[in-house]
N, C-alpha and C. Protein backbone atom coordinates (compact mmCIF):
# COMPACT_ATOMS: atom_id res chain seq x y z
N MET A 1 0.88 -1.19 0.06
CA MET A 1 0.12 -0.04 -0.14
C MET A 1 0.89 1.20 -0.04
N SER A 2 0.49 2.11 -0.78
CA SER A 2 1.37 3.44 -0.92
C SER A 2 0.46 4.50 -0.07
N GLU A 3 1.29 5.16 0.65
CA GLU A 3 0.65 6.34 1.44
C GLU A 3 0.81 7.56 0.62
N PHE A 4 -0.38 8.34 0.76
CA PHE A 4 -0.46 9.81 0.12
C PHE A 4 0.61 10.65 1.00
N LYS A 5 1.40 11.32 0.19
CA LYS A 5 2.56 12.17 0.78
C LYS A 5 1.94 13.51 0.96
N ASP A 6 2.40 14.12 2.09
CA ASP A 6 2.10 15.60 2.26
C ASP A 6 0.53 15.62 2.36
N PHE A 7 -0.14 14.96 3.24
CA PHE A 7 -1.47 15.03 3.48
C PHE A 7 -1.78 16.23 4.20
N ALA A 8 -2.59 17.11 3.90
CA ALA A 8 -3.09 18.28 4.76
C ALA A 8 -4.20 17.99 5.26
N VAL A 9 -4.51 18.10 6.73
CA VAL A 9 -5.76 17.80 7.33
C VAL A 9 -6.67 19.04 7.11
N SER A 10 -7.82 18.79 6.65
CA SER A 10 -8.78 19.71 6.37
C SER A 10 -9.94 19.70 7.18
N GLY A 11 -10.71 20.88 7.35
CA GLY A 11 -12.03 20.73 8.24
C GLY A 11 -12.97 19.74 7.67
N GLU A 12 -13.09 19.69 6.32
CA GLU A 12 -14.05 18.61 5.77
C GLU A 12 -13.51 17.22 6.09
N TYR A 13 -12.38 16.95 6.10
CA TYR A 13 -11.76 15.64 6.58
C TYR A 13 -12.22 15.26 7.95
N VAL A 14 -11.80 16.22 8.86
CA VAL A 14 -12.08 16.00 10.27
C VAL A 14 -13.70 15.85 10.46
N GLU A 15 -14.52 16.80 9.78
CA GLU A 15 -15.82 16.75 10.09
C GLU A 15 -16.51 15.55 9.71
N GLY A 16 -15.80 14.66 8.66
CA GLY A 16 -16.37 13.43 8.40
C GLY A 16 -15.97 12.27 9.35
N LEU A 17 -15.07 12.50 10.28
CA LEU A 17 -14.78 11.57 11.29
C LEU A 17 -15.81 11.48 12.45
N PRO A 18 -16.15 10.34 13.02
CA PRO A 18 -16.98 10.32 14.18
C PRO A 18 -16.46 11.15 15.33
N ALA A 19 -17.26 11.83 15.94
CA ALA A 19 -16.94 12.72 17.06
C ALA A 19 -15.80 12.17 18.03
N ALA A 20 -15.94 10.95 18.36
CA ALA A 20 -14.93 10.28 19.27
C ALA A 20 -13.58 10.23 18.59
N GLU A 21 -13.52 10.30 17.33
CA GLU A 21 -12.14 10.16 16.52
C GLU A 21 -11.56 11.50 16.21
N ARG A 22 -12.07 12.62 16.72
CA ARG A 22 -11.62 13.90 16.07
C ARG A 22 -10.57 14.33 16.89
N TRP A 23 -9.41 13.73 17.12
CA TRP A 23 -8.23 14.03 17.80
C TRP A 23 -6.95 13.74 17.14
N PHE A 24 -5.89 14.27 17.48
CA PHE A 24 -4.58 14.02 16.95
C PHE A 24 -3.50 14.14 17.89
N GLU A 25 -2.29 13.55 17.53
CA GLU A 25 -1.23 13.65 18.36
C GLU A 25 -0.05 14.42 17.64
N LEU A 26 0.62 15.37 18.17
CA LEU A 26 1.68 16.12 17.66
C LEU A 26 2.96 15.18 17.79
N ILE A 27 3.31 14.67 16.39
CA ILE A 27 4.37 13.59 16.59
C ILE A 27 5.74 14.33 16.38
N GLU A 28 5.80 15.61 16.05
CA GLU A 28 7.00 16.33 15.91
C GLU A 28 6.83 17.87 16.35
N GLU A 29 7.98 18.38 16.71
CA GLU A 29 7.73 20.00 17.16
C GLU A 29 7.19 20.54 15.99
N PRO A 30 6.16 21.51 16.26
CA PRO A 30 5.62 22.42 15.24
C PRO A 30 6.61 23.34 14.76
N TYR A 31 6.43 23.88 13.54
CA TYR A 31 7.42 24.79 13.09
C TYR A 31 6.67 25.72 12.03
N TYR A 32 7.37 26.90 11.68
CA TYR A 32 6.83 27.79 10.82
C TYR A 32 7.49 27.46 9.38
N LYS A 33 6.61 27.64 8.31
CA LYS A 33 7.02 27.64 6.97
C LYS A 33 6.67 29.06 6.33
N THR A 34 7.48 29.45 5.32
CA THR A 34 7.00 30.59 4.60
C THR A 34 6.57 30.38 3.39
N GLU A 35 5.44 30.97 3.01
CA GLU A 35 4.68 30.69 1.79
C GLU A 35 4.70 32.10 1.11
N GLU A 36 5.07 32.00 -0.12
CA GLU A 36 4.94 33.29 -0.99
C GLU A 36 3.68 33.36 -1.85
N PHE A 37 2.73 34.04 -1.24
CA PHE A 37 1.42 34.09 -1.90
C PHE A 37 1.27 35.03 -3.00
N ASP A 38 2.12 35.99 -2.99
CA ASP A 38 2.20 36.87 -4.16
C ASP A 38 3.55 37.52 -4.00
N LYS A 39 3.99 38.24 -5.04
CA LYS A 39 5.42 38.61 -5.18
C LYS A 39 5.64 39.75 -4.19
N GLU A 40 4.69 40.35 -3.60
CA GLU A 40 4.96 41.52 -2.62
C GLU A 40 5.12 41.05 -1.18
N LYS A 41 4.43 39.84 -0.78
CA LYS A 41 4.62 39.50 0.64
C LYS A 41 4.64 38.08 0.90
N ASN A 42 5.48 37.75 1.87
CA ASN A 42 5.56 36.35 2.34
C ASN A 42 4.77 36.19 3.66
N GLU A 43 4.09 35.05 3.91
CA GLU A 43 3.37 34.83 5.01
C GLU A 43 4.00 33.62 5.78
N GLU A 44 4.18 33.66 6.96
CA GLU A 44 4.55 32.46 7.81
C GLU A 44 3.20 31.72 8.21
N GLN A 45 3.49 30.36 8.09
CA GLN A 45 2.26 29.61 8.50
C GLN A 45 2.77 28.38 9.39
N LEU A 46 2.02 28.33 10.48
CA LEU A 46 2.34 27.47 11.50
C LEU A 46 2.00 25.86 10.95
N VAL A 47 2.92 25.07 11.18
CA VAL A 47 2.55 23.64 10.73
C VAL A 47 2.65 22.69 11.92
N PHE A 48 1.55 21.87 12.20
CA PHE A 48 1.62 20.80 13.07
C PHE A 48 1.80 19.54 12.38
N PRO A 49 3.00 18.75 12.50
CA PRO A 49 3.04 17.32 11.97
C PRO A 49 2.20 16.44 12.92
N VAL A 50 1.17 15.83 12.41
CA VAL A 50 0.26 15.01 13.33
C VAL A 50 0.16 13.76 12.77
N LYS A 51 -0.36 13.02 13.73
CA LYS A 51 -0.95 11.58 13.60
C LYS A 51 -2.43 11.51 14.27
N LEU A 52 -3.24 11.25 13.26
CA LEU A 52 -4.69 11.28 13.55
C LEU A 52 -5.13 9.95 14.29
N SER A 53 -6.26 10.09 14.79
CA SER A 53 -6.70 8.89 15.66
C SER A 53 -6.95 7.63 14.67
N ASN A 54 -7.03 7.88 13.55
CA ASN A 54 -7.04 6.56 12.63
C ASN A 54 -5.69 6.08 12.10
N GLY A 55 -4.63 6.76 12.52
CA GLY A 55 -3.28 6.37 12.08
C GLY A 55 -2.73 7.19 11.01
N THR A 56 -3.53 8.04 10.30
CA THR A 56 -3.17 8.90 9.34
C THR A 56 -2.05 9.94 9.76
N ILE A 57 -0.96 10.02 8.82
CA ILE A 57 0.02 10.93 9.24
C ILE A 57 -0.19 12.11 8.29
N GLY A 58 -0.10 13.37 8.72
CA GLY A 58 -0.27 14.59 7.81
C GLY A 58 0.09 15.86 8.52
N LYS A 59 -0.28 16.94 7.92
CA LYS A 59 0.03 18.29 8.39
C LYS A 59 -1.17 18.98 8.62
N TYR A 60 -1.20 19.57 9.77
CA TYR A 60 -2.36 20.38 10.28
C TYR A 60 -1.92 21.78 10.19
N TYR A 61 -2.54 22.75 9.53
CA TYR A 61 -2.24 24.11 9.59
C TYR A 61 -3.22 24.89 10.48
N PRO A 62 -2.95 25.12 11.75
CA PRO A 62 -3.84 25.46 12.62
C PRO A 62 -4.37 26.92 12.42
N ASN A 63 -5.41 27.42 12.73
CA ASN A 63 -5.62 28.89 12.68
C ASN A 63 -5.16 29.49 14.04
N LYS A 64 -5.13 30.70 14.13
CA LYS A 64 -4.55 31.36 15.22
C LYS A 64 -5.33 31.03 16.46
N THR A 65 -6.53 30.95 16.53
CA THR A 65 -7.35 30.63 17.69
C THR A 65 -6.92 29.30 18.25
N SER A 66 -6.68 28.27 17.33
CA SER A 66 -6.33 26.88 17.73
C SER A 66 -4.93 26.92 18.34
N ALA A 67 -4.11 27.59 17.73
CA ALA A 67 -2.60 27.56 18.25
C ALA A 67 -2.69 28.27 19.51
N ARG A 68 -3.39 29.37 19.78
CA ARG A 68 -3.47 30.01 21.10
C ARG A 68 -4.08 28.94 22.10
N LYS A 69 -5.04 28.20 21.68
CA LYS A 69 -5.61 27.39 22.67
C LYS A 69 -4.57 26.36 23.10
N VAL A 70 -3.62 25.81 22.10
CA VAL A 70 -2.64 24.87 22.45
C VAL A 70 -1.64 25.53 23.51
N ALA A 71 -1.28 26.64 23.35
CA ALA A 71 -0.31 27.42 24.29
C ALA A 71 -0.99 27.54 25.58
N THR A 72 -2.36 27.98 25.63
CA THR A 72 -3.16 28.02 26.92
C THR A 72 -3.12 26.63 27.47
N LEU A 73 -3.55 25.51 26.88
CA LEU A 73 -3.71 24.22 27.51
C LEU A 73 -2.39 23.71 28.03
N THR A 74 -1.27 23.98 27.29
CA THR A 74 0.00 23.37 27.64
C THR A 74 0.81 24.43 28.67
N LYS A 75 0.16 25.45 28.77
CA LYS A 75 0.66 26.50 29.58
C LYS A 75 2.12 26.95 29.22
N THR A 76 2.55 26.92 27.91
CA THR A 76 3.84 27.21 27.43
C THR A 76 3.72 27.72 25.94
N THR A 77 4.56 28.61 25.67
CA THR A 77 4.67 28.94 24.08
C THR A 77 5.86 28.29 23.45
N ASP A 78 6.65 27.47 24.26
CA ASP A 78 7.79 26.58 23.80
C ASP A 78 7.07 25.45 23.07
N MET A 79 7.12 25.54 21.63
CA MET A 79 6.56 24.42 20.80
C MET A 79 7.23 23.23 20.93
N ALA A 80 8.44 23.05 21.40
CA ALA A 80 9.06 21.76 21.67
C ALA A 80 8.36 20.98 22.71
N GLN A 81 7.67 21.65 23.68
CA GLN A 81 7.00 21.03 24.79
C GLN A 81 5.79 20.59 24.34
N TRP A 82 5.30 20.98 23.16
CA TRP A 82 3.99 20.50 22.55
C TRP A 82 3.97 19.18 22.06
N LYS A 83 5.10 18.70 21.64
CA LYS A 83 5.42 17.36 20.92
C LYS A 83 4.85 16.27 21.74
N GLY A 84 4.26 15.38 21.26
CA GLY A 84 3.64 14.10 22.14
C GLY A 84 2.30 14.35 22.75
N LYS A 85 1.79 15.60 22.68
CA LYS A 85 0.64 15.88 23.23
C LYS A 85 -0.45 15.61 22.32
N LYS A 86 -1.75 15.17 22.85
CA LYS A 86 -2.75 14.90 22.03
C LYS A 86 -3.91 16.00 22.26
N PHE A 87 -4.52 16.48 21.24
CA PHE A 87 -5.65 17.48 21.20
C PHE A 87 -6.82 17.07 20.49
N TYR A 88 -7.92 17.77 20.90
CA TYR A 88 -9.24 17.39 20.27
C TYR A 88 -9.73 18.56 19.58
N TRP A 89 -10.46 18.20 18.35
CA TRP A 89 -11.12 19.36 17.62
C TRP A 89 -12.55 19.26 18.10
N GLY A 90 -13.00 20.14 19.06
CA GLY A 90 -14.28 20.03 19.55
C GLY A 90 -15.24 20.95 18.86
N ASN A 91 -14.83 21.89 18.03
CA ASN A 91 -15.52 22.77 17.45
C ASN A 91 -15.35 22.79 15.97
N ILE A 92 -16.38 22.60 15.13
CA ILE A 92 -16.36 22.65 13.72
C ILE A 92 -17.50 23.48 13.30
N MET A 93 -17.15 24.41 12.42
CA MET A 93 -18.22 25.34 11.84
C MET A 93 -17.87 25.84 10.42
N LYS A 94 -18.88 26.30 9.74
CA LYS A 94 -18.79 26.84 8.42
C LYS A 94 -18.48 28.16 8.79
N GLN A 95 -17.49 28.83 7.83
CA GLN A 95 -17.06 30.22 8.01
C GLN A 95 -16.69 30.63 6.59
N GLN A 96 -16.70 32.06 6.44
CA GLN A 96 -16.04 32.62 5.30
C GLN A 96 -14.61 32.61 5.49
N ALA A 97 -13.81 32.01 4.67
CA ALA A 97 -12.36 32.08 4.81
C ALA A 97 -11.73 32.22 3.38
N PHE A 98 -10.96 33.04 3.06
CA PHE A 98 -10.32 33.39 1.72
C PHE A 98 -11.33 33.48 0.67
N GLY A 99 -12.47 34.26 0.87
CA GLY A 99 -13.53 34.42 0.10
C GLY A 99 -14.58 33.35 -0.17
N LYS A 100 -14.50 32.15 0.36
CA LYS A 100 -15.46 31.18 0.30
C LYS A 100 -15.74 30.66 1.47
N LEU A 101 -17.07 30.07 1.53
CA LEU A 101 -17.50 29.13 2.72
C LEU A 101 -16.70 27.94 3.02
N GLN A 102 -16.02 27.76 4.11
CA GLN A 102 -15.33 26.65 4.39
C GLN A 102 -15.46 26.10 5.66
N THR A 103 -15.29 24.68 5.89
CA THR A 103 -15.38 24.20 7.21
C THR A 103 -14.14 24.23 7.90
N VAL A 104 -14.23 24.91 9.15
CA VAL A 104 -13.26 25.30 9.87
C VAL A 104 -13.05 24.45 11.34
N ILE A 105 -11.95 23.94 11.69
CA ILE A 105 -11.87 23.24 12.92
C ILE A 105 -11.05 24.01 13.92
N TYR A 106 -11.50 23.96 15.18
CA TYR A 106 -10.83 24.47 16.31
C TYR A 106 -10.58 23.49 17.33
N ILE A 107 -9.42 23.56 17.89
CA ILE A 107 -8.93 22.82 19.04
C ILE A 107 -9.61 23.26 20.31
N THR A 108 -10.21 22.42 21.15
CA THR A 108 -10.83 22.97 22.24
C THR A 108 -10.33 22.29 23.54
N ASP A 109 -9.56 21.29 23.48
CA ASP A 109 -9.13 20.61 24.78
C ASP A 109 -8.11 19.60 24.40
N PHE A 110 -7.52 19.02 25.44
CA PHE A 110 -6.50 17.90 25.29
C PHE A 110 -7.49 16.69 24.91
N TYR A 111 -6.82 15.64 24.49
CA TYR A 111 -7.55 14.44 24.17
C TYR A 111 -6.63 13.31 25.22
N PRO A 112 -7.38 12.49 25.98
CA PRO A 112 -8.72 12.70 26.47
C PRO A 112 -8.87 14.03 27.14
N ALA A 113 -9.98 14.53 27.35
CA ALA A 113 -10.27 15.92 27.79
C ALA A 113 -9.61 16.25 29.18
N MET A 114 -9.52 15.17 29.99
CA MET A 114 -8.96 15.60 31.45
C MET A 114 -7.45 15.32 31.57
N GLU A 115 -6.58 15.26 30.36
CA GLU A 115 -5.30 14.89 30.48
C GLU A 115 -4.60 16.32 31.14
N LYS A 116 -3.72 15.92 32.04
CA LYS A 116 -2.89 16.93 32.68
C LYS A 116 -1.59 17.41 31.99
N VAL A 117 -1.26 18.54 32.12
CA VAL A 117 0.16 19.01 31.66
C VAL A 117 1.14 18.26 32.39
N LYS A 118 2.10 17.68 31.62
CA LYS A 118 3.23 16.95 32.49
C LYS A 118 4.46 17.92 32.54
């Protein structure tokens, strides 16, 4: 079996999972990559290398709200300390993003919900 390379986790994909399976583990330290969207500006994008509940490996590009939630839950902005933690997407909604209606996912808690910061 060949695995799809560079799988980007989308809101639509997560929405299709049963609610109990809408979690992931950060398998590597998150990092920033720079994307050139036009010739005049570059944007940094946060990347979470993840393993989903069903074993799928991919990259999740969290919105700022979800990234802030991870920092709040872990009580640190040191992304190296986020590696190995599991988080749950507890809020899924349709929103206007980049000029079209999209399914947007938000991290709401650790997985399982009562996991303590170590």
